[in-house]
Amino acid sequence: MADPTAPLPEDAKQWTAKLRKVAEDAFPPSKLLPDRQPAYVASWIYVFGVLTLASLSFVILTGIVLALGGPSWWHTSSTGLFVNSLHLWSVEFFFFFMVVHLWGKFFMAAWRGKRQLTWITGVVSFLISVGAAFTGYLSQQNFDSQWIATQAKDGINATGAGSFFNVMNFGQMLMWHITLLPLGVVALVGLHVLMVRHRGVVPPFDRDGEVQNTGGRDGASSRRELSGEELAESSAGNAEAAVASRSGGDD
């Protein structure tokens, strides 16, 4: 019996079928949820991306709890103060891990192999996160937030942005902090992760005896791990070449 859910040949021209085909080609299940990663991912520099995502999860979770309780709850309740502290420190860790992640990828030239969009989404998400943190400080509803708002007001007004971005307006800053900016951060981080899955984790620069280039498709270098025998042969070949070169120089 034929499967009633199977696609029909005449459906291939529909925009939903075309979109599904593009999505399946770009993000097959083996890329979205891979079982293995290259050996170089074991390096500590690759850990900070995952730590940034973990910190962002804590930021969002504690932020939701704070939004449900409101300013009076997080200022007067011991539980609210504790959740507020968790939110603050998760933001601190988030920025620390993200900055290390960005600098590490910068020195690795992470835009190699057609990964420009991956790099751009990471940098832009960092910039939007700075705005989210700034509006978060303005939303504290204490003397600290008032001082920050009054100090920032003149500078923002000097740029002309004060006509629509009023740092003295608590309601506006709170909505920017809990709605607009978090949506931008989550959307860009999600796109960033999808691009990492699509293009793969950027490999380190070539080093003799560790990895070799096997010429992948789409302009990105496809790399594989060298076995123990290949490493031994490579080392022996290098040693023989060095001896021959030294002998030639003596002659």
Protein backbone atom coordinates (compact mmCIF):
# COMPACT_ATOMS: atom_id res chain seq x y z
CA MET A 1 0.00 0.00 0.00
CA ALA A 2 1.35 3.39 -1.02
CA ASP A 3 2.27 5.88 1.64
CA PRO A 4 -0.36 8.67 1.55
CA THR A 5 2.18 11.15 2.97
CA ALA A 6 4.77 10.50 0.24
CA PRO A 7 5.39 13.54 -1.99
CA LEU A 8 3.94 13.42 -5.50
CA PRO A 9 6.06 14.27 -8.57
CA GLU A 10 3.82 17.18 -9.48
CA ASP A 11 4.42 18.71 -6.01
CA ALA A 12 8.10 19.31 -6.73
CA LYS A 13 7.32 22.72 -8.25
CA GLN A 14 5.60 24.02 -5.14
CA TRP A 15 7.51 26.57 -3.05
CA THR A 16 7.17 24.43 0.08
CA ALA A 17 8.79 21.46 -1.67
CA LYS A 18 11.60 23.66 -3.01
CA LEU A 19 12.19 25.21 0.42
CA ARG A 20 12.22 21.77 2.04
CA LYS A 21 14.73 20.53 -0.55
CA VAL A 22 17.04 23.48 0.11
CA ALA A 23 16.81 22.95 3.88
CA GLU A 24 17.50 19.22 3.57
CA ASP A 25 20.52 19.82 1.36
CA ALA A 26 21.97 22.53 3.61
CA PHE A 27 21.18 20.94 6.98
CA PRO A 28 20.92 17.16 6.78
CA PRO A 29 20.44 15.38 10.14
CA SER A 30 24.07 14.28 10.14
CA LYS A 31 25.12 17.96 10.19
CA LEU A 32 22.51 19.24 12.62
CA LEU A 33 23.21 16.51 15.19
CA PRO A 34 26.61 15.01 14.38
CA ASP A 35 27.80 11.94 16.26
CA ARG A 36 31.49 12.83 16.00
CA GLN A 37 33.65 15.93 15.75
CA PRO A 38 37.19 16.36 14.37
CA ALA A 39 40.02 15.65 16.79
CA TYR A 40 41.12 19.28 16.92
CA VAL A 41 37.82 20.26 18.59
CA ALA A 42 39.28 18.77 21.79
CA SER A 43 41.42 21.91 22.11
CA TRP A 44 40.35 24.25 24.94
CA ILE A 45 39.77 27.20 22.58
CA TYR A 46 36.77 25.41 21.06
CA VAL A 47 35.09 25.08 24.46
CA PHE A 48 34.25 28.77 24.87
CA GLY A 49 31.57 28.74 22.18
CA VAL A 50 29.61 26.09 24.07
CA LEU A 51 30.21 27.91 27.38
CA THR A 52 28.79 31.09 25.80
CA LEU A 53 25.63 29.22 24.78
CA ALA A 54 25.30 27.71 28.27
CA SER A 55 25.66 31.14 29.89
CA LEU A 56 23.09 32.60 27.49
CA SER A 57 20.65 29.89 28.53
CA PHE A 58 21.07 30.90 32.19
CA VAL A 59 20.65 34.58 31.26
CA ILE A 60 17.37 33.87 29.50
CA LEU A 61 16.04 31.57 32.23
CA THR A 62 16.81 33.94 35.10
CA GLY A 63 15.55 36.89 33.04
CA ILE A 64 12.18 35.20 32.55
CA VAL A 65 11.89 34.65 36.30
CA LEU A 66 12.78 38.30 36.99
CA ALA A 67 10.24 39.50 34.43
CA LEU A 68 7.52 37.46 36.15
CA GLY A 69 8.39 38.89 39.57
CA GLY A 70 8.97 42.52 38.67
CA PRO A 71 11.22 45.21 40.24
CA SER A 72 9.55 45.20 43.66
CA TRP A 73 10.11 41.43 43.93
CA TRP A 74 13.79 41.42 42.93
CA HIS A 75 14.53 44.34 45.31
CA THR A 76 12.63 43.24 48.43
CA SER A 77 12.44 39.45 48.34
CA SER A 78 15.45 37.35 49.32
CA THR A 79 14.58 34.91 46.56
CA GLY A 80 14.29 37.77 44.10
CA LEU A 81 17.67 39.12 45.16
CA PHE A 82 19.18 35.67 44.67
CA VAL A 83 17.69 35.30 41.17
CA ASN A 84 18.81 38.83 40.34
CA SER A 85 22.36 37.91 41.38
CA LEU A 86 22.21 34.76 39.26
CA HIS A 87 21.11 36.87 36.32
CA LEU A 88 23.95 39.34 36.85
CA TRP A 89 26.67 36.71 37.15
CA SER A 90 25.37 34.69 34.21
CA VAL A 91 25.67 37.88 32.14
CA GLU A 92 29.23 38.39 33.42
CA PHE A 93 30.20 34.84 32.44
CA PHE A 94 28.38 35.21 29.12
CA PHE A 95 30.46 38.22 28.12
CA PHE A 96 33.71 36.71 29.40
CA PHE A 97 33.22 33.50 27.43
CA MET A 98 32.03 35.36 24.34
CA VAL A 99 35.00 37.74 24.30
CA VAL A 100 37.47 34.85 24.63
CA HIS A 101 35.56 32.98 21.92
CA LEU A 102 35.66 35.97 19.56
CA TRP A 103 39.36 36.66 20.10
CA GLY A 104 40.22 32.99 19.71
CA LYS A 105 38.36 32.77 16.42
CA PHE A 106 39.83 36.08 15.26
CA PHE A 107 43.38 34.79 15.63
CA MET A 108 42.31 31.54 13.94
CA ALA A 109 40.86 33.50 10.98
CA ALA A 110 37.52 31.80 11.53
CA TRP A 111 36.08 33.30 8.33
CA ARG A 112 38.14 30.87 6.23
CA GLY A 113 36.36 28.33 4.04
CA LYS A 114 33.35 30.52 3.17
CA ARG A 115 32.58 31.09 6.85
CA GLN A 116 32.21 34.88 6.54
CA LEU A 117 28.53 34.79 7.53
CA THR A 118 29.37 32.68 10.57
CA TRP A 119 31.91 35.28 11.71
CA ILE A 120 29.60 38.24 10.98
CA THR A 121 26.65 36.79 12.91
CA GLY A 122 28.92 36.17 15.89
CA VAL A 123 30.28 39.73 15.92
CA VAL A 124 26.85 41.35 15.44
CA SER A 125 25.32 39.21 18.19
CA PHE A 126 28.08 40.46 20.51
CA LEU A 127 27.28 44.09 19.67
CA ILE A 128 23.56 43.58 20.27
CA SER A 129 24.40 41.85 23.55
CA VAL A 130 26.22 45.01 24.65
CA GLY A 131 23.03 46.97 24.05
CA ALA A 132 21.01 44.37 25.96
CA ALA A 133 23.40 44.63 28.90
CA PHE A 134 23.24 48.43 28.84
CA THR A 135 19.42 48.48 28.92
CA GLY A 136 19.59 45.87 31.67
CA TYR A 137 21.60 48.22 33.86
CA LEU A 138 19.04 50.96 33.13
CA SER A 139 16.19 48.63 34.18
CA GLN A 140 17.51 47.89 37.68
CA GLN A 141 15.37 50.62 39.27
CA ASN A 142 17.98 51.68 41.81
CA PHE A 143 20.43 54.56 42.27
CA ASP A 144 22.98 52.79 40.09
CA SER A 145 20.61 52.67 37.12
CA GLN A 146 19.60 56.31 37.66
CA TRP A 147 23.24 57.43 37.66
CA ILE A 148 23.97 55.44 34.49
CA ALA A 149 20.89 56.89 32.78
CA THR A 150 21.72 60.50 33.61
CA GLN A 151 25.35 60.07 32.52
CA ALA A 152 24.37 58.38 29.25
CA LYS A 153 21.55 60.79 28.41
CA ASP A 154 23.71 63.66 27.20
CA GLY A 155 25.98 61.43 25.16
CA ILE A 156 23.09 59.69 23.41
CA ASN A 157 21.31 63.01 22.81
CA ALA A 158 24.48 64.36 21.20
CA THR A 159 24.28 61.59 18.59
CA GLY A 160 20.64 62.36 17.81
CA ALA A 161 19.46 58.95 19.02
CA GLY A 162 17.84 60.45 22.09
CA SER A 163 14.81 61.43 20.03
CA PHE A 164 13.66 57.80 19.93
CA PHE A 165 15.92 56.10 22.54
CA ASN A 166 15.16 57.78 25.87
CA VAL A 167 17.37 56.26 28.55
CA MET A 168 15.37 58.09 31.24
CA ASN A 169 12.21 56.21 30.25
CA PHE A 170 12.16 53.05 32.38
CA GLY A 171 9.28 51.44 30.47
CA GLN A 172 11.00 51.89 27.13
CA MET A 173 14.33 50.56 28.39
CA LEU A 174 12.66 47.56 30.02
CA MET A 175 10.87 46.65 26.77
CA TRP A 176 14.12 46.98 24.82
CA HIS A 177 15.84 44.79 27.40
CA ILE A 178 13.32 41.98 27.71
CA THR A 179 11.81 41.96 24.19
CA LEU A 180 13.57 43.56 21.22
CA LEU A 181 17.25 43.03 22.01
CA PRO A 182 16.92 39.46 23.40
CA LEU A 183 14.97 38.45 20.28
CA GLY A 184 17.79 39.83 18.14
CA VAL A 185 20.46 38.03 20.16
CA VAL A 186 18.63 34.69 20.13
CA ALA A 187 17.89 34.94 16.39
CA LEU A 188 21.51 35.75 15.50
CA VAL A 189 22.95 33.14 17.84
CA GLY A 190 20.59 30.55 16.34
CA LEU A 191 21.69 31.53 12.83
CA HIS A 192 25.31 31.43 14.00
CA VAL A 193 24.93 27.86 15.29
CA LEU A 194 23.21 26.79 12.06
CA MET A 195 26.07 28.24 10.02
CA VAL A 196 28.57 26.37 12.19
CA ARG A 197 26.65 23.17 11.50
CA HIS A 198 26.48 23.95 7.79
CA ARG A 199 30.12 24.89 7.22
CA GLY A 200 31.61 22.88 10.07
CA VAL A 201 33.90 23.95 12.88
CA VAL A 202 36.78 26.01 11.55
CA PRO A 203 39.99 23.92 11.56
CA PRO A 204 43.29 25.20 12.94
CA PHE A 205 46.05 26.24 10.59
CA ASP A 206 47.97 23.35 8.99
CA ARG A 207 50.69 21.82 11.10
CA ASP A 208 52.95 19.03 9.85
CA GLY A 209 52.16 15.67 11.39
CA GLU A 210 48.69 16.51 12.68
CA VAL A 211 46.23 16.96 9.83
CA GLN A 212 46.34 17.01 6.08
CA ASN A 213 44.12 18.61 3.45
CA THR A 214 42.06 16.21 1.35
CA GLY A 215 40.40 18.85 -0.85
CA GLY A 216 36.78 19.17 0.21
CA ARG A 217 33.93 20.60 -1.82
CA ASP A 218 32.38 24.09 -1.69
CA GLY A 219 35.80 25.68 -1.36
CA ALA A 220 36.15 24.59 2.27
CA SER A 221 39.08 22.41 3.19
CA SER A 222 38.09 18.91 4.18
CA ARG A 223 40.44 17.49 6.79
CA ARG A 224 41.00 14.05 8.21
CA GLU A 225 43.04 12.69 11.07
CA LEU A 226 46.29 10.90 10.30
CA SER A 227 46.70 7.40 11.60
CA GLY A 228 49.66 6.26 13.68
CA GLU A 229 51.26 4.51 10.70
CA GLU A 230 50.91 7.61 8.53
CA LEU A 231 52.46 9.74 11.25
CA ALA A 232 55.37 7.30 11.55
CA GLU A 233 55.86 7.26 7.77
CA SER A 234 55.68 11.05 7.65
CA SER A 235 58.24 11.38 10.44
CA ALA A 236 60.55 8.84 8.80
CA GLY A 237 60.22 10.62 5.46
CA ASN A 238 61.02 13.97 7.03
CA ALA A 239 64.05 12.48 8.79
CA GLU A 240 65.35 10.91 5.57
CA ALA A 241 64.85 14.18 3.71
CA ALA A 242 66.75 16.05 6.42
CA VAL A 243 69.66 13.57 6.28
CA ALA A 244 69.79 13.74 2.48
CA SER A 245 69.74 17.52 2.58
CA ARG A 246 72.54 17.59 5.16
CA SER A 247 74.60 15.10 3.11
CA GLY A 248 74.14 17.19 -0.01
CA GLY A 249 75.28 20.29 1.85
CA ASP A 250 78.44 18.54 3.06
CA ASP A 251 79.30 17.46 -0.49
